[in-house]
């Protein structure tokens, strides 16, 4: 198999992983997302390795056009995933604030009742 064909297949794998990554982000499957990102890191290393093995004259006009089109598609998918991740982070931050507020309220209630309860029991002894 030619290096150009191998790179095209690797980029196609990248596209598939990126689509799965987007689904994991939208469904908040963070463990799956981490696994997909690990796979993409290994894939990135393989792409770099294969690209460095390309002979200088291997960049035919057809391959360049195909690579540019696929690259543009991959960039768009990555941007969509970044936007989806920003939305999920916003939801998580809002939930964190609500949990912090609830925790603070519970502490205040606990303090209000715990101090008053001790003094009441002490008066009966």
C-alpha atoms as a PDB file:
ATOM      1  CA  UNK A   1       0.000   0.000   0.000  1.00  0.00           C
ATOM      2  CA  UNK A   2       1.317   3.453  -0.878  1.00  0.00           C
ATOM      3  CA  UNK A   3       2.105   5.967   1.839  1.00  0.00           C
ATOM      4  CA  UNK A   4      -0.492   8.344   0.358  1.00  0.00           C
ATOM      5  CA  UNK A   5      -3.202   5.706   0.613  1.00  0.00           C
ATOM      6  CA  UNK A   6      -2.118   4.849   4.155  1.00  0.00           C
ATOM      7  CA  UNK A   7      -2.316   8.504   5.190  1.00  0.00           C
ATOM      8  CA  UNK A   8      -5.755   8.846   3.594  1.00  0.00           C
ATOM      9  CA  UNK A   9      -6.948   5.812   5.561  1.00  0.00           C
ATOM     10  CA  UNK A  10      -5.429   7.177   8.776  1.00  0.00           C
ATOM     11  CA  UNK A  11      -7.230  10.476   8.258  1.00  0.00           C
ATOM     12  CA  UNK A  12     -10.456   8.566   7.675  1.00  0.00           C
ATOM     13  CA  UNK A  13      -9.883   6.774  10.998  1.00  0.00           C
ATOM     14  CA  UNK A  14      -9.341  10.201  12.562  1.00  0.00           C
ATOM     15  CA  UNK A  15     -12.679  11.354  11.159  1.00  0.00           C
ATOM     16  CA  UNK A  16     -14.499   8.334  12.592  1.00  0.00           C
ATOM     17  CA  UNK A  17     -12.836   8.780  15.999  1.00  0.00           C
ATOM     18  CA  UNK A  18     -13.712  12.478  15.973  1.00  0.00           C
ATOM     19  CA  UNK A  19     -17.365  11.688  15.257  1.00  0.00           C
ATOM     20  CA  UNK A  20     -17.394   9.175  18.131  1.00  0.00           C
ATOM     21  CA  UNK A  21     -15.676  11.775  20.290  1.00  0.00           C
ATOM     22  CA  UNK A  22     -18.479  14.239  19.518  1.00  0.00           C
ATOM     23  CA  UNK A  23     -21.104  11.676  20.496  1.00  0.00           C
ATOM     24  CA  UNK A  24     -19.260  10.982  23.756  1.00  0.00           C
ATOM     25  CA  UNK A  25     -19.134  14.706  24.531  1.00  0.00           C
ATOM     26  CA  UNK A  26     -22.816  15.231  23.826  1.00  0.00           C
ATOM     27  CA  UNK A  27     -23.787  12.267  26.014  1.00  0.00           C
ATOM     28  CA  UNK A  28     -21.252  13.180  28.745  1.00  0.00           C
ATOM     29  CA  UNK A  29     -19.437   9.826  28.583  1.00  0.00           C
ATOM     30  CA  UNK A  30     -16.133  11.176  29.865  1.00  0.00           C
ATOM     31  CA  UNK A  31     -14.407   7.804  30.224  1.00  0.00           C
ATOM     32  CA  UNK A  32     -15.204   6.969  26.624  1.00  0.00           C
ATOM     33  CA  UNK A  33     -14.020  10.420  25.571  1.00  0.00           C
ATOM     34  CA  UNK A  34     -10.676   9.894  27.311  1.00  0.00           C
ATOM     35  CA  UNK A  35     -10.230   6.528  25.566  1.00  0.00           C
ATOM     36  CA  UNK A  36     -11.018   8.090  22.179  1.00  0.00           C
ATOM     37  CA  UNK A  37      -8.525  10.883  22.796  1.00  0.00           C
ATOM     38  CA  UNK A  38      -5.869   8.292  23.656  1.00  0.00           C
ATOM     39  CA  UNK A  39      -6.616   6.527  20.366  1.00  0.00           C
ATOM     40  CA  UNK A  40      -6.342   9.821  18.499  1.00  0.00           C
ATOM     41  CA  UNK A  41      -2.970  10.510  20.123  1.00  0.00           C
ATOM     42  CA  UNK A  42      -1.647   7.141  18.915  1.00  0.00           C
ATOM     43  CA  UNK A  43      -3.146   7.825  15.496  1.00  0.00           C
ATOM     44  CA  UNK A  44      -1.464  11.253  15.412  1.00  0.00           C
ATOM     45  CA  UNK A  45       1.904   9.603  16.068  1.00  0.00           C
ATOM     46  CA  UNK A  46       1.271   7.105  13.275  1.00  0.00           C
ATOM     47  CA  UNK A  47       0.292   9.876  10.846  1.00  0.00           C
ATOM     48  CA  UNK A  48       3.485  11.774  11.622  1.00  0.00           C
ATOM     49  CA  UNK A  49       5.537   8.615  11.148  1.00  0.00           C
ATOM     50  CA  UNK A  50       3.942   7.743   7.801  1.00  0.00           C
ATOM     51  CA  UNK A  51       4.077  11.377   6.612  1.00  0.00           C
ATOM     52  CA  UNK A  52       7.793  11.564   7.300  1.00  0.00           C
ATOM     53  CA  UNK A  53       8.267   8.460   5.138  1.00  0.00           C
ATOM     54  CA  UNK A  54       6.627  10.099   2.098  1.00  0.00           C
ATOM     55  CA  UNK A  55       9.092  10.706  -0.712  1.00  0.00           C
ATOM     56  CA  UNK A  56       9.444  14.319  -1.802  1.00  0.00           C
ATOM     57  CA  UNK A  57       7.676  13.698  -5.106  1.00  0.00           C
ATOM     58  CA  UNK A  58       4.726  11.828  -3.536  1.00  0.00           C
ATOM     59  CA  UNK A  59       2.598  14.944  -3.174  1.00  0.00           C
ATOM     60  CA  UNK A  60       0.620  14.538  -6.349  1.00  0.00           C
ATOM     61  CA  UNK A  61      -1.984  17.151  -7.195  1.00  0.00           C
ATOM     62  CA  UNK A  62      -4.858  14.709  -6.610  1.00  0.00           C
ATOM     63  CA  UNK A  63      -3.545  13.662  -3.220  1.00  0.00           C
ATOM     64  CA  UNK A  64      -3.070  17.293  -2.171  1.00  0.00           C
ATOM     65  CA  UNK A  65      -6.663  18.143  -3.083  1.00  0.00           C
ATOM     66  CA  UNK A  66      -7.987  15.063  -1.307  1.00  0.00           C
ATOM     67  CA  UNK A  67      -5.902  15.822   1.785  1.00  0.00           C
ATOM     68  CA  UNK A  68      -7.063  19.450   1.859  1.00  0.00           C
ATOM     69  CA  UNK A  69     -10.733  18.482   1.548  1.00  0.00           C
ATOM     70  CA  UNK A  70     -10.452  15.871   4.266  1.00  0.00           C
ATOM     71  CA  UNK A  71      -8.419  18.260   6.424  1.00  0.00           C
ATOM     72  CA  UNK A  72     -11.124  20.910   6.136  1.00  0.00           C
ATOM     73  CA  UNK A  73     -13.759  18.353   7.123  1.00  0.00           C
ATOM     74  CA  UNK A  74     -11.671  17.246  10.121  1.00  0.00           C
ATOM     75  CA  UNK A  75     -11.155  20.826  11.264  1.00  0.00           C
ATOM     76  CA  UNK A  76     -14.907  21.434  11.101  1.00  0.00           C
ATOM     77  CA  UNK A  77     -15.584  18.283  13.163  1.00  0.00           C
ATOM     78  CA  UNK A  78     -12.964  19.301  15.731  1.00  0.00           C
ATOM     79  CA  UNK A  79     -14.526  22.768  16.010  1.00  0.00           C
ATOM     80  CA  UNK A  80     -17.979  21.255  16.493  1.00  0.00           C
ATOM     81  CA  UNK A  81     -16.574  19.031  19.237  1.00  0.00           C
ATOM     82  CA  UNK A  82     -14.913  22.022  20.907  1.00  0.00           C
ATOM     83  CA  UNK A  83     -18.241  23.879  20.901  1.00  0.00           C
ATOM     84  CA  UNK A  84     -20.088  20.848  22.303  1.00  0.00           C
ATOM     85  CA  UNK A  85     -17.436  20.491  24.998  1.00  0.00           C
ATOM     86  CA  UNK A  86     -17.788  24.164  25.917  1.00  0.00           C
ATOM     87  CA  UNK A  87     -21.549  23.663  26.306  1.00  0.00           C
ATOM     88  CA  UNK A  88     -21.008  20.604  28.520  1.00  0.00           C
ATOM     89  CA  UNK A  89     -18.449  22.496  30.608  1.00  0.00           C
ATOM     90  CA  UNK A  90     -21.000  25.285  31.063  1.00  0.00           C
ATOM     91  CA  UNK A  91     -23.576  22.764  32.296  1.00  0.00           C
ATOM     92  CA  UNK A  92     -21.018  21.237  34.651  1.00  0.00           C
ATOM     93  CA  UNK A  93     -20.023  24.648  36.009  1.00  0.00           C
ATOM     94  CA  UNK A  94     -23.664  25.573  36.602  1.00  0.00           C
ATOM     95  CA  UNK A  95     -24.240  22.281  38.408  1.00  0.00           C
ATOM     96  CA  UNK A  96     -21.091  22.844  40.495  1.00  0.00           C
ATOM     97  CA  UNK A  97     -22.346  26.283  41.538  1.00  0.00           C
ATOM     98  CA  UNK A  98     -25.753  24.873  42.466  1.00  0.00           C
ATOM     99  CA  UNK A  99     -24.166  22.085  44.493  1.00  0.00           C
ATOM    100  CA  UNK A 100     -21.906  24.591  46.251  1.00  0.00           C
ATOM    101  CA  UNK A 101     -24.914  26.777  47.081  1.00  0.00           C
ATOM    102  CA  UNK A 102     -26.865  23.757  48.386  1.00  0.00           C
ATOM    103  CA  UNK A 103     -23.899  22.644  50.456  1.00  0.00           C
ATOM    104  CA  UNK A 104     -23.531  26.117  51.931  1.00  0.00           C
ATOM    105  CA  UNK A 105     -27.261  26.224  52.767  1.00  0.00           C
ATOM    106  CA  UNK A 106     -27.095  22.812  54.426  1.00  0.00           C
ATOM    107  CA  UNK A 107     -24.089  23.892  56.498  1.00  0.00           C
ATOM    108  CA  UNK A 108     -25.975  26.968  57.642  1.00  0.00           C
ATOM    109  CA  UNK A 109     -29.031  24.918  58.579  1.00  0.00           C
ATOM    110  CA  UNK A 110     -26.847  22.395  60.386  1.00  0.00           C
ATOM    111  CA  UNK A 111     -25.062  25.154  62.300  1.00  0.00           C
ATOM    112  CA  UNK A 112     -28.347  26.826  63.229  1.00  0.00           C
ATOM    113  CA  UNK A 113     -29.819  23.627  64.628  1.00  0.00           C
ATOM    114  CA  UNK A 114     -26.701  22.008  66.057  1.00  0.00           C
ATOM    115  CA  UNK A 115     -25.775  24.912  68.345  1.00  0.00           C
ATOM    116  CA  UNK A 116     -29.336  25.498  69.499  1.00  0.00           C
ATOM    117  CA  UNK A 117     -29.903  21.797  70.157  1.00  0.00           C
ATOM    118  CA  UNK A 118     -26.914  21.443  72.479  1.00  0.00           C
ATOM    119  CA  UNK A 119     -27.905  24.377  74.666  1.00  0.00           C
ATOM    120  CA  UNK A 120     -31.466  23.104  74.936  1.00  0.00           C
ATOM    121  CA  UNK A 121     -30.328  19.679  76.097  1.00  0.00           C
ATOM    122  CA  UNK A 122     -27.884  21.189  78.545  1.00  0.00           C
ATOM    123  CA  UNK A 123     -30.688  23.117  80.237  1.00  0.00           C
ATOM    124  CA  UNK A 124     -32.522  19.855  81.010  1.00  0.00           C
ATOM    125  CA  UNK A 125     -29.606  18.191  82.708  1.00  0.00           C
END
